[in-house]
Amino acid sequence: MKLPILTACAALLVMTPPPRAQSAADSAAIRATALDYIEGWVQGAGDRMERALHTHLAKRRVATDSTGRSRLIEMTALELVQGTRAACGKNSPVAERRTDVTILDIFGNAASVRVNAGLWVDYMHMAKWSGTWVIVNVLWENRPTR
């Protein structure tokens, strides 16, 4: 019974193309995607946000209530695009806004990216989907209030 599983795994390994090395074009496209996301948010540019996201995006943050219990706050791509179009991000104080993008790692068609947005930090997973870099996961954390 184990032989068919091993055969299937071996076939997948043979069919999977080798990972590509990071290229300057990929780095530029990843950075542009991150900027479409964060600049789109603060500018209320829904088209930029939509372009940056995979339709199955999952955006999450761990919130802790007054009793110390944690829960996940979740947003979908549609909710994020609608919030952008409703100009929710324009409420961020201009003096506090940042758009610092750091590519943490790229391997083949996957990348990890950190965006320092000033009042919060986003950790993103991106994928090269049909030739275009898009955000598939975001985990974010707000900075402590002063």
C-alpha atoms as a PDB file:
ATOM      1  CA  MET A   1       0.000   0.000   0.000  1.00  0.00           C
ATOM      2  CA  LYS A   2       2.917   2.369   0.648  1.00  0.00           C
ATOM      3  CA  LEU A   3       4.343   1.866  -2.835  1.00  0.00           C
ATOM      4  CA  PRO A   4       1.623   3.910  -4.652  1.00  0.00           C
ATOM      5  CA  ILE A   5       2.154   6.802  -2.221  1.00  0.00           C
ATOM      6  CA  LEU A   6       5.915   6.737  -2.754  1.00  0.00           C
ATOM      7  CA  THR A   7       5.413   6.572  -6.502  1.00  0.00           C
ATOM      8  CA  ALA A   8       3.053   9.571  -6.383  1.00  0.00           C
ATOM      9  CA  CYS A   9       5.532  11.549  -4.274  1.00  0.00           C
ATOM     10  CA  ALA A  10       8.389  10.721  -6.631  1.00  0.00           C
ATOM     11  CA  ALA A  11       6.267  11.804  -9.611  1.00  0.00           C
ATOM     12  CA  LEU A  12       5.518  15.138  -7.926  1.00  0.00           C
ATOM     13  CA  LEU A  13       9.212  15.737  -7.304  1.00  0.00           C
ATOM     14  CA  VAL A  14      10.043  15.061 -10.937  1.00  0.00           C
ATOM     15  CA  MET A  15       7.209  17.325 -12.210  1.00  0.00           C
ATOM     16  CA  THR A  16       8.034  20.228  -9.873  1.00  0.00           C
ATOM     17  CA  PRO A  17      10.334  22.736 -11.567  1.00  0.00           C
ATOM     18  CA  PRO A  18      13.428  23.724  -9.612  1.00  0.00           C
ATOM     19  CA  PRO A  19      13.199  26.984  -7.668  1.00  0.00           C
ATOM     20  CA  ARG A  20      14.439  30.077  -9.468  1.00  0.00           C
ATOM     21  CA  ALA A  21      17.019  32.396  -8.029  1.00  0.00           C
ATOM     22  CA  GLN A  22      15.856  35.796  -6.851  1.00  0.00           C
ATOM     23  CA  SER A  23      15.931  38.309  -9.677  1.00  0.00           C
ATOM     24  CA  ALA A  24      15.971  42.098  -9.646  1.00  0.00           C
ATOM     25  CA  ALA A  25      12.660  42.045 -11.539  1.00  0.00           C
ATOM     26  CA  ASP A  26      11.054  39.852  -8.855  1.00  0.00           C
ATOM     27  CA  SER A  27      12.359  42.079  -6.067  1.00  0.00           C
ATOM     28  CA  ALA A  28      10.999  45.188  -7.812  1.00  0.00           C
ATOM     29  CA  ALA A  29       7.614  43.532  -8.414  1.00  0.00           C
ATOM     30  CA  ILE A  30       7.376  42.352  -4.792  1.00  0.00           C
ATOM     31  CA  ARG A  31       8.178  45.857  -3.552  1.00  0.00           C
ATOM     32  CA  ALA A  32       5.616  47.380  -5.967  1.00  0.00           C
ATOM     33  CA  THR A  33       2.965  44.954  -4.694  1.00  0.00           C
ATOM     34  CA  ALA A  34       3.681  45.889  -1.072  1.00  0.00           C
ATOM     35  CA  LEU A  35       3.489  49.592  -1.965  1.00  0.00           C
ATOM     36  CA  ASP A  36       0.202  49.099  -3.840  1.00  0.00           C
ATOM     37  CA  TYR A  37      -1.107  47.550  -0.631  1.00  0.00           C
ATOM     38  CA  ILE A  38       0.053  50.143   1.893  1.00  0.00           C
ATOM     39  CA  GLU A  39      -0.122  53.283  -0.266  1.00  0.00           C
ATOM     40  CA  GLY A  40      -3.441  52.133  -1.673  1.00  0.00           C
ATOM     41  CA  TRP A  41      -4.771  51.830   1.883  1.00  0.00           C
ATOM     42  CA  VAL A  42      -3.795  55.336   3.023  1.00  0.00           C
ATOM     43  CA  GLN A  43      -4.778  56.927  -0.310  1.00  0.00           C
ATOM     44  CA  GLY A  44      -8.145  55.183  -0.506  1.00  0.00           C
ATOM     45  CA  ALA A  45      -7.108  53.682  -3.860  1.00  0.00           C
ATOM     46  CA  GLY A  46      -9.163  50.500  -4.070  1.00  0.00           C
ATOM     47  CA  ASP A  47      -7.744  49.635  -7.497  1.00  0.00           C
ATOM     48  CA  ARG A  48      -4.205  49.511  -6.078  1.00  0.00           C
ATOM     49  CA  MET A  49      -5.304  47.397  -3.116  1.00  0.00           C
ATOM     50  CA  GLU A  50      -7.233  45.006  -5.337  1.00  0.00           C
ATOM     51  CA  ARG A  51      -4.254  44.622  -7.684  1.00  0.00           C
ATOM     52  CA  ALA A  52      -2.012  43.696  -4.728  1.00  0.00           C
ATOM     53  CA  LEU A  53      -4.210  40.951  -3.274  1.00  0.00           C
ATOM     54  CA  HIS A  54      -4.982  37.382  -4.182  1.00  0.00           C
ATOM     55  CA  THR A  55      -8.754  36.817  -4.043  1.00  0.00           C
ATOM     56  CA  HIS A  56      -8.269  34.274  -1.244  1.00  0.00           C
ATOM     57  CA  LEU A  57      -6.229  36.609   0.967  1.00  0.00           C
ATOM     58  CA  ALA A  58      -6.365  36.026   4.705  1.00  0.00           C
ATOM     59  CA  LYS A  59      -5.421  39.032   6.855  1.00  0.00           C
ATOM     60  CA  ARG A  60      -5.233  38.386  10.590  1.00  0.00           C
ATOM     61  CA  ARG A  61      -4.234  39.964  13.879  1.00  0.00           C
ATOM     62  CA  VAL A  62      -4.191  38.534  17.371  1.00  0.00           C
ATOM     63  CA  ALA A  63      -6.187  40.707  19.756  1.00  0.00           C
ATOM     64  CA  THR A  64      -6.127  40.275  23.517  1.00  0.00           C
ATOM     65  CA  ASP A  65      -9.110  41.327  25.588  1.00  0.00           C
ATOM     66  CA  SER A  66      -9.081  42.763  29.123  1.00  0.00           C
ATOM     67  CA  THR A  67      -9.104  39.254  30.626  1.00  0.00           C
ATOM     68  CA  GLY A  68      -5.998  38.230  28.682  1.00  0.00           C
ATOM     69  CA  ARG A  69      -7.851  35.938  26.263  1.00  0.00           C
ATOM     70  CA  SER A  70      -6.649  36.007  22.673  1.00  0.00           C
ATOM     71  CA  ARG A  71      -8.797  35.958  19.562  1.00  0.00           C
ATOM     72  CA  LEU A  72      -8.130  36.337  15.857  1.00  0.00           C
ATOM     73  CA  ILE A  73      -9.395  39.342  13.981  1.00  0.00           C
ATOM     74  CA  GLU A  74      -9.731  38.359  10.328  1.00  0.00           C
ATOM     75  CA  MET A  75     -10.278  40.202   7.063  1.00  0.00           C
ATOM     76  CA  THR A  76     -10.833  38.903   3.554  1.00  0.00           C
ATOM     77  CA  ALA A  77      -9.593  40.440   0.312  1.00  0.00           C
ATOM     78  CA  LEU A  78     -13.079  41.773  -0.402  1.00  0.00           C
ATOM     79  CA  GLU A  79     -13.361  43.402   3.033  1.00  0.00           C
ATOM     80  CA  LEU A  80      -9.940  44.997   2.659  1.00  0.00           C
ATOM     81  CA  VAL A  81     -10.704  46.347  -0.830  1.00  0.00           C
ATOM     82  CA  GLN A  82     -14.079  47.686   0.333  1.00  0.00           C
ATOM     83  CA  GLY A  83     -12.468  49.321   3.376  1.00  0.00           C
ATOM     84  CA  THR A  84      -9.871  50.903   1.118  1.00  0.00           C
ATOM     85  CA  ARG A  85     -12.529  52.246  -1.250  1.00  0.00           C
ATOM     86  CA  ALA A  86     -14.408  53.631   1.767  1.00  0.00           C
ATOM     87  CA  ALA A  87     -11.205  55.574   2.596  1.00  0.00           C
ATOM     88  CA  CYS A  88     -10.776  53.956   6.029  1.00  0.00           C
ATOM     89  CA  GLY A  89      -6.992  54.272   5.718  1.00  0.00           C
ATOM     90  CA  LYS A  90      -7.147  58.014   5.168  1.00  0.00           C
ATOM     91  CA  ASN A  91      -7.878  58.358   8.901  1.00  0.00           C
ATOM     92  CA  SER A  92      -4.257  57.472   9.713  1.00  0.00           C
ATOM     93  CA  PRO A  93      -2.435  60.616  10.848  1.00  0.00           C
ATOM     94  CA  VAL A  94      -0.173  61.759   8.002  1.00  0.00           C
ATOM     95  CA  ALA A  95       2.760  62.377  10.353  1.00  0.00           C
ATOM     96  CA  GLU A  96       2.578  58.736  11.573  1.00  0.00           C
ATOM     97  CA  ARG A  97       2.417  57.080   8.124  1.00  0.00           C
ATOM     98  CA  ARG A  98       5.323  55.056   6.796  1.00  0.00           C
ATOM     99  CA  THR A  99       5.746  52.792   3.805  1.00  0.00           C
ATOM    100  CA  ASP A 100       8.988  50.986   4.628  1.00  0.00           C
ATOM    101  CA  VAL A 101       9.164  47.686   2.708  1.00  0.00           C
ATOM    102  CA  THR A 102      11.682  44.974   3.605  1.00  0.00           C
ATOM    103  CA  ILE A 103      11.855  41.772   1.604  1.00  0.00           C
ATOM    104  CA  LEU A 104      12.737  39.123   4.169  1.00  0.00           C
ATOM    105  CA  ASP A 105      13.068  36.139   1.847  1.00  0.00           C
ATOM    106  CA  ILE A 106      12.304  34.954  -1.677  1.00  0.00           C
ATOM    107  CA  PHE A 107      12.316  31.332  -2.703  1.00  0.00           C
ATOM    108  CA  GLY A 108      10.931  30.354  -6.077  1.00  0.00           C
ATOM    109  CA  ASN A 109       7.379  31.661  -6.295  1.00  0.00           C
ATOM    110  CA  ALA A 110       7.117  32.563  -2.580  1.00  0.00           C
ATOM    111  CA  ALA A 111       8.240  35.630  -0.667  1.00  0.00           C
ATOM    112  CA  SER A 112       8.026  36.979   2.887  1.00  0.00           C
ATOM    113  CA  VAL A 113       7.812  40.752   3.261  1.00  0.00           C
ATOM    114  CA  ARG A 114       7.639  43.167   6.201  1.00  0.00           C
ATOM    115  CA  VAL A 115       5.921  46.543   5.858  1.00  0.00           C
ATOM    116  CA  ASN A 116       6.427  49.149   8.559  1.00  0.00           C
ATOM    117  CA  ALA A 117       3.352  51.337   8.168  1.00  0.00           C
ATOM    118  CA  GLY A 118       4.112  53.555  11.154  1.00  0.00           C
ATOM    119  CA  LEU A 119       1.186  52.733  13.433  1.00  0.00           C
ATOM    120  CA  TRP A 120       1.412  49.025  12.664  1.00  0.00           C
ATOM    121  CA  VAL A 121       3.615  46.383  11.055  1.00  0.00           C
ATOM    122  CA  ASP A 122       2.408  43.896   8.429  1.00  0.00           C
ATOM    123  CA  TYR A 123       4.116  40.563   7.778  1.00  0.00           C
ATOM    124  CA  MET A 124       3.097  39.319   4.340  1.00  0.00           C
ATOM    125  CA  HIS A 125       3.395  36.136   2.374  1.00  0.00           C
ATOM    126  CA  MET A 126       3.353  36.719  -1.355  1.00  0.00           C
ATOM    127  CA  ALA A 127       3.085  34.280  -4.232  1.00  0.00           C
ATOM    128  CA  LYS A 128       3.866  34.653  -7.903  1.00  0.00           C
ATOM    129  CA  TRP A 129       0.435  33.849  -9.296  1.00  0.00           C
ATOM    130  CA  SER A 130       0.079  33.583 -13.082  1.00  0.00           C
ATOM    131  CA  GLY A 131       3.241  35.664 -13.437  1.00  0.00           C
ATOM    132  CA  THR A 132       2.217  38.415 -10.976  1.00  0.00           C
ATOM    133  CA  TRP A 133       3.257  38.832  -7.340  1.00  0.00           C
ATOM    134  CA  VAL A 134       0.211  39.007  -5.040  1.00  0.00           C
ATOM    135  CA  ILE A 135      -0.328  38.965  -1.287  1.00  0.00           C
ATOM    136  CA  VAL A 136      -1.943  35.781   0.008  1.00  0.00           C
ATOM    137  CA  ASN A 137      -1.468  36.179   3.787  1.00  0.00           C
ATOM    138  CA  VAL A 138      -0.974  39.118   6.139  1.00  0.00           C
ATOM    139  CA  LEU A 139      -0.350  38.961   9.878  1.00  0.00           C
ATOM    140  CA  TRP A 140      -0.279  42.419  11.429  1.00  0.00           C
ATOM    141  CA  GLU A 141       0.398  43.947  14.791  1.00  0.00           C
ATOM    142  CA  ASN A 142      -0.466  47.443  15.982  1.00  0.00           C
ATOM    143  CA  ARG A 143       2.165  49.502  17.732  1.00  0.00           C
ATOM    144  CA  PRO A 144       1.373  50.187  21.378  1.00  0.00           C
ATOM    145  CA  THR A 145      -0.411  53.480  21.917  1.00  0.00           C
ATOM    146  CA  ARG A 146       1.505  56.106  23.790  1.00  0.00           C
END
